[in-house]
Amino acid sequence: MIDLELVHSATSLSTGKTYQIDGVLYHYLCSDGTTAHPQYIFRPLRGQRKKIDLKLNHQKLLRRCYEVPGMPVRSEVTSEAAQMRLF
């Protein structure tokens, strides 16, 4: 079982880390909104049931967002490309 760490501050959010919110794995994209009412946008990882971005305000972020230590976000880039030629 992985020990999850509750996010204590919005300044600790990073695009290279994985977060669990309500049992779904997400990665952090960016913050939006005003300085008085910030919103934090998360995108679900591939293979998760949820497919839509999630916006959390500051209070919900501190209550529902957990960091998954030791699980970095991996972006998969394939070098295979299909090339077609016209004669």
PDB file of N, CA and C in Angstrom:
ATOM      1  N   MET A   1       0.833  -1.171   0.000  1.00  0.00           N
ATOM      2  CA  MET A   1       0.000   0.000   0.000  1.00  0.00           C
ATOM      3  C   MET A   1       0.883   1.240   0.000  1.00  0.00           C
ATOM      4  N   ILE A   2       0.540   2.196  -0.824  1.00  0.00           N
ATOM      5  CA  ILE A   2       1.317   3.425  -0.937  1.00  0.00           C
ATOM      6  C   ILE A   2       0.815   4.425   0.093  1.00  0.00           C
ATOM      7  N   ASP A   3       1.737   5.050   0.809  1.00  0.00           N
ATOM      8  CA  ASP A   3       1.371   6.086   1.778  1.00  0.00           C
ATOM      9  C   ASP A   3       1.168   7.398   1.038  1.00  0.00           C
ATOM     10  N   LEU A   4      -0.043   7.913   1.064  1.00  0.00           N
ATOM     11  CA  LEU A   4      -0.362   9.167   0.410  1.00  0.00           C
ATOM     12  C   LEU A   4      -0.089  10.319   1.366  1.00  0.00           C
ATOM     13  N   GLU A   5       0.359  11.437   0.808  1.00  0.00           N
ATOM     14  CA  GLU A   5       0.652  12.616   1.606  1.00  0.00           C
ATOM     15  C   GLU A   5      -0.324  13.719   1.229  1.00  0.00           C
ATOM     16  N   LEU A   6      -1.050  14.241   2.206  1.00  0.00           N
ATOM     17  CA  LEU A   6      -1.994  15.320   1.980  1.00  0.00           C
ATOM     18  C   LEU A   6      -1.243  16.580   1.566  1.00  0.00           C
ATOM     19  N   VAL A   7      -1.756  17.260   0.563  1.00  0.00           N
ATOM     20  CA  VAL A   7      -1.140  18.509   0.110  1.00  0.00           C
ATOM     21  C   VAL A   7      -1.473  19.585   1.131  1.00  0.00           C
ATOM     22  N   HIS A   8      -0.443  20.200   1.707  1.00  0.00           N
ATOM     23  CA  HIS A   8      -0.635  21.197   2.757  1.00  0.00           C
ATOM     24  C   HIS A   8      -0.610  22.619   2.227  1.00  0.00           C
ATOM     25  N   SER A   9      -0.065  22.811   1.027  1.00  0.00           N
ATOM     26  CA  SER A   9       0.062  24.151   0.480  1.00  0.00           C
ATOM     27  C   SER A   9      -0.001  24.084  -1.044  1.00  0.00           C
ATOM     28  N   ALA A  10      -0.584  25.088  -1.636  1.00  0.00           N
ATOM     29  CA  ALA A  10      -0.670  25.125  -3.098  1.00  0.00           C
ATOM     30  C   ALA A  10       0.693  25.375  -3.732  1.00  0.00           C
ATOM     31  N   THR A  11       1.620  25.918  -2.979  1.00  0.00           N
ATOM     32  CA  THR A  11       2.952  26.170  -3.528  1.00  0.00           C
ATOM     33  C   THR A  11       3.741  24.881  -3.731  1.00  0.00           C
ATOM     34  N   SER A  12       3.309  23.791  -3.123  1.00  0.00           N
ATOM     35  CA  SER A  12       4.015  22.524  -3.291  1.00  0.00           C
ATOM     36  C   SER A  12       3.546  21.744  -4.516  1.00  0.00           C
ATOM     37  N   LEU A  13       2.550  22.255  -5.242  1.00  0.00           N
ATOM     38  CA  LEU A  13       2.083  21.570  -6.442  1.00  0.00           C
ATOM     39  C   LEU A  13       3.141  21.637  -7.526  1.00  0.00           C
ATOM     40  N   SER A  14       3.293  20.524  -8.260  1.00  0.00           N
ATOM     41  CA  SER A  14       4.291  20.447  -9.316  1.00  0.00           C
ATOM     42  C   SER A  14       3.710  19.680 -10.495  1.00  0.00           C
ATOM     43  N   THR A  15       4.099  20.062 -11.698  1.00  0.00           N
ATOM     44  CA  THR A  15       3.599  19.381 -12.893  1.00  0.00           C
ATOM     45  C   THR A  15       4.215  17.993 -13.069  1.00  0.00           C
ATOM     46  N   GLY A  16       5.296  17.707 -12.385  1.00  0.00           N
ATOM     47  CA  GLY A  16       5.963  16.427 -12.525  1.00  0.00           C
ATOM     48  C   GLY A  16       5.538  15.383 -11.509  1.00  0.00           C
ATOM     49  N   LYS A  17       4.572  15.719 -10.655  1.00  0.00           N
ATOM     50  CA  LYS A  17       4.136  14.785  -9.614  1.00  0.00           C
ATOM     51  C   LYS A  17       2.739  14.255  -9.925  1.00  0.00           C
ATOM     52  N   THR A  18       2.407  13.123  -9.308  1.00  0.00           N
ATOM     53  CA  THR A  18       1.091  12.512  -9.457  1.00  0.00           C
ATOM     54  C   THR A  18       0.285  12.769  -8.194  1.00  0.00           C
ATOM     55  N   TYR A  19      -0.999  13.083  -8.383  1.00  0.00           N
ATOM     56  CA  TYR A  19      -1.886  13.379  -7.266  1.00  0.00           C
ATOM     57  C   TYR A  19      -3.116  12.488  -7.337  1.00  0.00           C
ATOM     58  N   GLN A  20      -3.623  12.124  -6.180  1.00  0.00           N
ATOM     59  CA  GLN A  20      -4.848  11.337  -6.105  1.00  0.00           C
ATOM     60  C   GLN A  20      -5.947  12.210  -5.501  1.00  0.00           C
ATOM     61  N   ILE A  21      -7.047  12.329  -6.249  1.00  0.00           N
ATOM     62  CA  ILE A  21      -8.194  13.109  -5.795  1.00  0.00           C
ATOM     63  C   ILE A  21      -9.421  12.226  -5.957  1.00  0.00           C
ATOM     64  N   ASP A  22     -10.076  11.908  -4.863  1.00  0.00           N
ATOM     65  CA  ASP A  22     -11.274  11.053  -4.867  1.00  0.00           C
ATOM     66  C   ASP A  22     -11.034   9.714  -5.556  1.00  0.00           C
ATOM     67  N   GLY A  23      -9.872   9.125  -5.356  1.00  0.00           N
ATOM     68  CA  GLY A  23      -9.570   7.807  -5.882  1.00  0.00           C
ATOM     69  C   GLY A  23      -9.116   7.781  -7.329  1.00  0.00           C
ATOM     70  N   VAL A  24      -8.931   8.931  -7.966  1.00  0.00           N
ATOM     71  CA  VAL A  24      -8.503   9.019  -9.357  1.00  0.00           C
ATOM     72  C   VAL A  24      -7.139   9.692  -9.400  1.00  0.00           C
ATOM     73  N   LEU A  25      -6.246   9.196 -10.262  1.00  0.00           N
ATOM     74  CA  LEU A  25      -4.902   9.766 -10.381  1.00  0.00           C
ATOM     75  C   LEU A  25      -4.892  10.908 -11.391  1.00  0.00           C
ATOM     76  N   TYR A  26      -4.310  12.020 -10.990  1.00  0.00           N
ATOM     77  CA  TYR A  26      -4.247  13.228 -11.812  1.00  0.00           C
ATOM     78  C   TYR A  26      -2.830  13.761 -11.841  1.00  0.00           C
ATOM     79  N   HIS A  27      -2.545  14.639 -12.816  1.00  0.00           N
ATOM     80  CA  HIS A  27      -1.344  15.462 -12.751  1.00  0.00           C
ATOM     81  C   HIS A  27      -1.762  16.925 -12.841  1.00  0.00           C
ATOM     82  N   TYR A  28      -0.992  17.768 -12.204  1.00  0.00           N
ATOM     83  CA  TYR A  28      -1.301  19.188 -12.095  1.00  0.00           C
ATOM     84  C   TYR A  28      -0.950  19.895 -13.391  1.00  0.00           C
ATOM     85  N   LEU A  29      -1.872  20.731 -13.891  1.00  0.00           N
ATOM     86  CA  LEU A  29      -1.614  21.497 -15.110  1.00  0.00           C
ATOM     87  C   LEU A  29      -1.196  22.932 -14.799  1.00  0.00           C
ATOM     88  N   CYS A  30      -2.092  23.695 -14.165  1.00  0.00           N
ATOM     89  CA  CYS A  30      -1.806  25.097 -13.900  1.00  0.00           C
ATOM     90  C   CYS A  30      -2.822  25.645 -12.909  1.00  0.00           C
ATOM     91  N   SER A  31      -2.614  26.893 -12.517  1.00  0.00           N
ATOM     92  CA  SER A  31      -3.593  27.569 -11.674  1.00  0.00           C
ATOM     93  C   SER A  31      -4.307  28.614 -12.517  1.00  0.00           C
ATOM     94  N   ASP A  32      -5.538  28.900 -12.142  1.00  0.00           N
ATOM     95  CA  ASP A  32      -6.380  29.810 -12.900  1.00  0.00           C
ATOM     96  C   ASP A  32      -7.161  30.661 -11.910  1.00  0.00           C
ATOM     97  N   GLY A  33      -7.839  31.661 -12.382  1.00  0.00           N
ATOM     98  CA  GLY A  33      -8.654  32.493 -11.506  1.00  0.00           C
ATOM     99  C   GLY A  33      -7.885  33.702 -11.019  1.00  0.00           C
ATOM    100  N   THR A  34      -8.443  34.338 -10.010  1.00  0.00           N
ATOM    101  CA  THR A  34      -7.821  35.537  -9.461  1.00  0.00           C
ATOM    102  C   THR A  34      -6.945  35.169  -8.273  1.00  0.00           C
ATOM    103  N   THR A  35      -6.205  36.147  -7.791  1.00  0.00           N
ATOM    104  CA  THR A  35      -5.361  35.883  -6.633  1.00  0.00           C
ATOM    105  C   THR A  35      -6.197  35.687  -5.377  1.00  0.00           C
ATOM    106  N   ALA A  36      -7.359  36.311  -5.332  1.00  0.00           N
ATOM    107  CA  ALA A  36      -8.243  36.142  -4.174  1.00  0.00           C
ATOM    108  C   ALA A  36      -8.983  34.810  -4.212  1.00  0.00           C
ATOM    109  N   HIS A  37      -9.285  34.324  -5.415  1.00  0.00           N
ATOM    110  CA  HIS A  37     -10.024  33.070  -5.574  1.00  0.00           C
ATOM    111  C   HIS A  37      -9.332  32.186  -6.618  1.00  0.00           C
ATOM    112  N   PRO A  38      -8.207  31.586  -6.261  1.00  0.00           N
ATOM    113  CA  PRO A  38      -7.495  30.755  -7.242  1.00  0.00           C
ATOM    114  C   PRO A  38      -8.197  29.416  -7.452  1.00  0.00           C
ATOM    115  N   GLN A  39      -8.027  28.877  -8.646  1.00  0.00           N
ATOM    116  CA  GLN A  39      -8.497  27.540  -8.968  1.00  0.00           C
ATOM    117  C   GLN A  39      -7.318  26.762  -9.536  1.00  0.00           C
ATOM    118  N   TYR A  40      -7.247  25.498  -9.200  1.00  0.00           N
ATOM    119  CA  TYR A  40      -6.144  24.649  -9.609  1.00  0.00           C
ATOM    120  C   TYR A  40      -6.693  23.573 -10.536  1.00  0.00           C
ATOM    121  N   ILE A  41      -6.068  23.429 -11.703  1.00  0.00           N
ATOM    122  CA  ILE A  41      -6.579  22.540 -12.744  1.00  0.00           C
ATOM    123  C   ILE A  41      -5.716  21.282 -12.796  1.00  0.00           C
ATOM    124  N   PHE A  42      -6.397  20.130 -12.774  1.00  0.00           N
ATOM    125  CA  PHE A  42      -5.755  18.825 -12.832  1.00  0.00           C
ATOM    126  C   PHE A  42      -6.311  18.041 -14.013  1.00  0.00           C
ATOM    127  N   ARG A  43      -5.465  17.223 -14.645  1.00  0.00           N
ATOM    128  CA  ARG A  43      -5.890  16.364 -15.753  1.00  0.00           C
ATOM    129  C   ARG A  43      -5.656  14.908 -15.361  1.00  0.00           C
ATOM    130  N   PRO A  44      -6.645  14.028 -15.592  1.00  0.00           N
ATOM    131  CA  PRO A  44      -6.475  12.614 -15.222  1.00  0.00           C
ATOM    132  C   PRO A  44      -5.397  11.933 -16.072  1.00  0.00           C
ATOM    133  N   LEU A  45      -4.718  10.985 -15.464  1.00  0.00           N
ATOM    134  CA  LEU A  45      -3.698  10.227 -16.185  1.00  0.00           C
ATOM    135  C   LEU A  45      -4.372   9.259 -17.152  1.00  0.00           C
ATOM    136  N   ARG A  46      -3.610   8.787 -18.109  1.00  0.00           N
ATOM    137  CA  ARG A  46      -4.139   7.803 -19.057  1.00  0.00           C
ATOM    138  C   ARG A  46      -4.537   6.535 -18.318  1.00  0.00           C
ATOM    139  N   GLY A  47      -5.634   5.940 -18.765  1.00  0.00           N
ATOM    140  CA  GLY A  47      -6.096   4.701 -18.169  1.00  0.00           C
ATOM    141  C   GLY A  47      -7.055   4.899 -17.012  1.00  0.00           C
ATOM    142  N   GLN A  48      -7.327   6.139 -16.642  1.00  0.00           N
ATOM    143  CA  GLN A  48      -8.264   6.413 -15.562  1.00  0.00           C
ATOM    144  C   GLN A  48      -9.677   6.494 -16.125  1.00  0.00           C
ATOM    145  N   ARG A  49     -10.640   6.219 -15.295  1.00  0.00           N
ATOM    146  CA  ARG A  49     -12.034   6.246 -15.733  1.00  0.00           C
ATOM    147  C   ARG A  49     -12.481   7.669 -16.083  1.00  0.00           C
ATOM    148  N   LYS A  50     -12.048   8.629 -15.307  1.00  0.00           N
ATOM    149  CA  LYS A  50     -12.390  10.031 -15.573  1.00  0.00           C
ATOM    150  C   LYS A  50     -11.574  10.529 -16.762  1.00  0.00           C
ATOM    151  N   LYS A  51     -12.199  11.334 -17.610  1.00  0.00           N
ATOM    152  CA  LYS A  51     -11.514  11.839 -18.806  1.00  0.00           C
ATOM    153  C   LYS A  51     -11.499  13.363 -18.898  1.00  0.00           C
ATOM    154  N   ILE A  52     -12.143  14.034 -17.958  1.00  0.00           N
ATOM    155  CA  ILE A  52     -12.291  15.478 -18.038  1.00  0.00           C
ATOM    156  C   ILE A  52     -11.415  16.157 -16.981  1.00  0.00           C
ATOM    157  N   ASP A  53     -10.961  17.370 -17.295  1.00  0.00           N
ATOM    158  CA  ASP A  53     -10.135  18.124 -16.348  1.00  0.00           C
ATOM    159  C   ASP A  53     -10.940  18.475 -15.099  1.00  0.00           C
ATOM    160  N   LEU A  54     -10.238  18.607 -13.996  1.00  0.00           N
ATOM    161  CA  LEU A  54     -10.853  18.899 -12.711  1.00  0.00           C
ATOM    162  C   LEU A  54     -10.331  20.227 -12.187  1.00  0.00           C
ATOM    163  N   LYS A  55     -11.245  21.112 -11.772  1.00  0.00           N
ATOM    164  CA  LYS A  55     -10.869  22.388 -11.162  1.00  0.00           C
ATOM    165  C   LYS A  55     -11.208  22.340  -9.685  1.00  0.00           C
ATOM    166  N   LEU A  56     -10.220  22.671  -8.852  1.00  0.00           N
ATOM    167  CA  LEU A  56     -10.427  22.719  -7.407  1.00  0.00           C
ATOM    168  C   LEU A  56     -10.113  24.113  -6.895  1.00  0.00           C
ATOM    169  N   ASN A  57     -10.924  24.594  -5.955  1.00  0.00           N
ATOM    170  CA  ASN A  57     -10.568  25.847  -5.303  1.00  0.00           C
ATOM    171  C   ASN A  57      -9.582  25.529  -4.167  1.00  0.00           C
ATOM    172  N   HIS A  58      -9.160  26.546  -3.455  1.00  0.00           N
ATOM    173  CA  HIS A  58      -8.109  26.366  -2.451  1.00  0.00           C
ATOM    174  C   HIS A  58      -8.545  25.449  -1.306  1.00  0.00           C
ATOM    175  N   GLN A  59      -9.768  25.608  -0.822  1.00  0.00           N
ATOM    176  CA  GLN A  59     -10.251  24.777   0.286  1.00  0.00           C
ATOM    177  C   GLN A  59     -10.357  23.303  -0.112  1.00  0.00           C
ATOM    178  N   LYS A  60     -10.906  23.033  -1.281  1.00  0.00           N
ATOM    179  CA  LYS A  60     -11.040  21.643  -1.735  1.00  0.00           C
ATOM    180  C   LYS A  60      -9.679  21.027  -2.011  1.00  0.00           C
ATOM    181  N   LEU A  61      -8.748  21.830  -2.485  1.00  0.00           N
ATOM    182  CA  LEU A  61      -7.395  21.332  -2.729  1.00  0.00           C
ATOM    183  C   LEU A  61      -6.776  20.822  -1.444  1.00  0.00           C
ATOM    184  N   LEU A  62      -6.917  21.580  -0.369  1.00  0.00           N
ATOM    185  CA  LEU A  62      -6.292  21.205   0.900  1.00  0.00           C
ATOM    186  C   LEU A  62      -6.993  20.025   1.571  1.00  0.00           C
ATOM    187  N   ARG A  63      -8.238  19.752   1.229  1.00  0.00           N
ATOM    188  CA  ARG A  63      -8.979  18.651   1.854  1.00  0.00           C
ATOM    189  C   ARG A  63      -8.965  17.360   1.041  1.00  0.00           C
ATOM    190  N   ARG A  64      -8.934  17.454  -0.281  1.00  0.00           N
ATOM    191  CA  ARG A  64      -9.152  16.274  -1.123  1.00  0.00           C
ATOM    192  C   ARG A  64      -7.943  15.818  -1.927  1.00  0.00           C
ATOM    193  N   CYS A  65      -6.897  16.614  -1.998  1.00  0.00           N
ATOM    194  CA  CYS A  65      -5.766  16.318  -2.872  1.00  0.00           C
ATOM    195  C   CYS A  65      -4.624  15.663  -2.085  1.00  0.00           C
ATOM    196  N   TYR A  66      -4.192  14.495  -2.557  1.00  0.00           N
ATOM    197  CA  TYR A  66      -3.084  13.761  -1.949  1.00  0.00           C
ATOM    198  C   TYR A  66      -1.982  13.560  -2.985  1.00  0.00           C
ATOM    199  N   GLU A  67      -0.745  13.745  -2.566  1.00  0.00           N
ATOM    200  CA  GLU A  67       0.393  13.472  -3.439  1.00  0.00           C
ATOM    201  C   GLU A  67       0.762  12.000  -3.330  1.00  0.00           C
ATOM    202  N   VAL A  68       1.032  11.374  -4.469  1.00  0.00           N
ATOM    203  CA  VAL A  68       1.469   9.984  -4.504  1.00  0.00           C
ATOM    204  C   VAL A  68       2.993  10.001  -4.627  1.00  0.00           C
ATOM    205  N   PRO A  69       3.718   9.750  -3.530  1.00  0.00           N
ATOM    206  CA  PRO A  69       5.184   9.824  -3.594  1.00  0.00           C
ATOM    207  C   PRO A  69       5.766   8.665  -4.399  1.00  0.00           C
ATOM    208  N   GLY A  70       6.827   8.960  -5.127  1.00  0.00           N
ATOM    209  CA  GLY A  70       7.519   7.931  -5.895  1.00  0.00           C
ATOM    210  C   GLY A  70       6.825   7.555  -7.189  1.00  0.00           C
ATOM    211  N   MET A  71       5.841   8.329  -7.630  1.00  0.00           N
ATOM    212  CA  MET A  71       5.135   8.028  -8.877  1.00  0.00           C
ATOM    213  C   MET A  71       5.147   9.273  -9.757  1.00  0.00           C
ATOM    214  N   PRO A  72       6.215   9.473 -10.529  1.00  0.00           N
ATOM    215  CA  PRO A  72       6.271  10.659 -11.385  1.00  0.00           C
ATOM    216  C   PRO A  72       5.340  10.512 -12.585  1.00  0.00           C
ATOM    217  N   VAL A  73       4.960  11.635 -13.155  1.00  0.00           N
ATOM    218  CA  VAL A  73       4.141  11.630 -14.367  1.00  0.00           C
ATOM    219  C   VAL A  73       5.055  11.292 -15.524  1.00  0.00           C
ATOM    220  N   ARG A  74       4.673  10.318 -16.290  1.00  0.00           N
ATOM    221  CA  ARG A  74       5.481   9.903 -17.447  1.00  0.00           C
ATOM    222  C   ARG A  74       4.749  10.287 -18.713  1.00  0.00           C
ATOM    223  N   SER A  75       5.409  11.041 -19.545  1.00  0.00           N
ATOM    224  CA  SER A  75       4.835  11.356 -20.844  1.00  0.00           C
ATOM    225  C   SER A  75       5.446  10.397 -21.854  1.00  0.00           C
ATOM    226  N   GLU A  76       4.584   9.737 -22.567  1.00  0.00           N
ATOM    227  CA  GLU A  76       5.040   8.742 -23.521  1.00  0.00           C
ATOM    228  C   GLU A  76       5.136   9.370 -24.908  1.00  0.00           C
ATOM    229  N   VAL A  77       6.328   9.326 -25.465  1.00  0.00           N
ATOM    230  CA  VAL A  77       6.552   9.828 -26.805  1.00  0.00           C
ATOM    231  C   VAL A  77       7.071   8.674 -27.631  1.00  0.00           C
ATOM    232  N   THR A  78       6.383   8.398 -28.707  1.00  0.00           N
ATOM    233  CA  THR A  78       6.816   7.301 -29.570  1.00  0.00           C
ATOM    234  C   THR A  78       7.549   7.868 -30.762  1.00  0.00           C
ATOM    235  N   SER A  79       8.554   7.154 -31.193  1.00  0.00           N
ATOM    236  CA  SER A  79       9.336   7.613 -32.336  1.00  0.00           C
ATOM    237  C   SER A  79       8.837   7.004 -33.640  1.00  0.00           C
ATOM    238  N   GLU A  80       7.828   6.171 -33.558  1.00  0.00           N
ATOM    239  CA  GLU A  80       7.289   5.557 -34.767  1.00  0.00           C
ATOM    240  C   GLU A  80       6.396   6.556 -35.492  1.00  0.00           C
ATOM    241  N   ALA A  81       6.556   6.615 -36.772  1.00  0.00           N
ATOM    242  CA  ALA A  81       5.732   7.518 -37.573  1.00  0.00           C
ATOM    243  C   ALA A  81       5.401   6.835 -38.897  1.00  0.00           C
ATOM    244  N   ALA A  82       4.207   7.018 -39.329  1.00  0.00           N
ATOM    245  CA  ALA A  82       3.786   6.476 -40.623  1.00  0.00           C
ATOM    246  C   ALA A  82       3.967   7.563 -41.663  1.00  0.00           C
ATOM    247  N   GLN A  83       4.684   7.231 -42.707  1.00  0.00           N
ATOM    248  CA  GLN A  83       4.931   8.207 -43.737  1.00  0.00           C
ATOM    249  C   GLN A  83       4.386   7.671 -45.057  1.00  0.00           C
ATOM    250  N   MET A  84       3.669   8.515 -45.751  1.00  0.00           N
ATOM    251  CA  MET A  84       3.091   8.110 -47.022  1.00  0.00           C
ATOM    252  C   MET A  84       3.730   8.928 -48.127  1.00  0.00           C
ATOM    253  N   ARG A  85       3.914   8.274 -49.271  1.00  0.00           N
ATOM    254  CA  ARG A  85       4.493   8.965 -50.421  1.00  0.00           C
ATOM    255  C   ARG A  85       3.523   8.923 -51.572  1.00  0.00           C
ATOM    256  N   LEU A  86       3.472   9.986 -52.287  1.00  0.00           N
ATOM    257  CA  LEU A  86       2.687  10.026 -53.518  1.00  0.00           C
ATOM    258  C   LEU A  86       3.645  10.043 -54.697  1.00  0.00           C
ATOM    259  N   PHE A  87       3.363   9.207 -55.640  1.00  0.00           N
ATOM    260  CA  PHE A  87       4.241   9.138 -56.833  1.00  0.00           C
ATOM    261  C   PHE A  87       3.680   9.960 -57.951  1.00  0.00           C
TER     262      PHE A  87
END
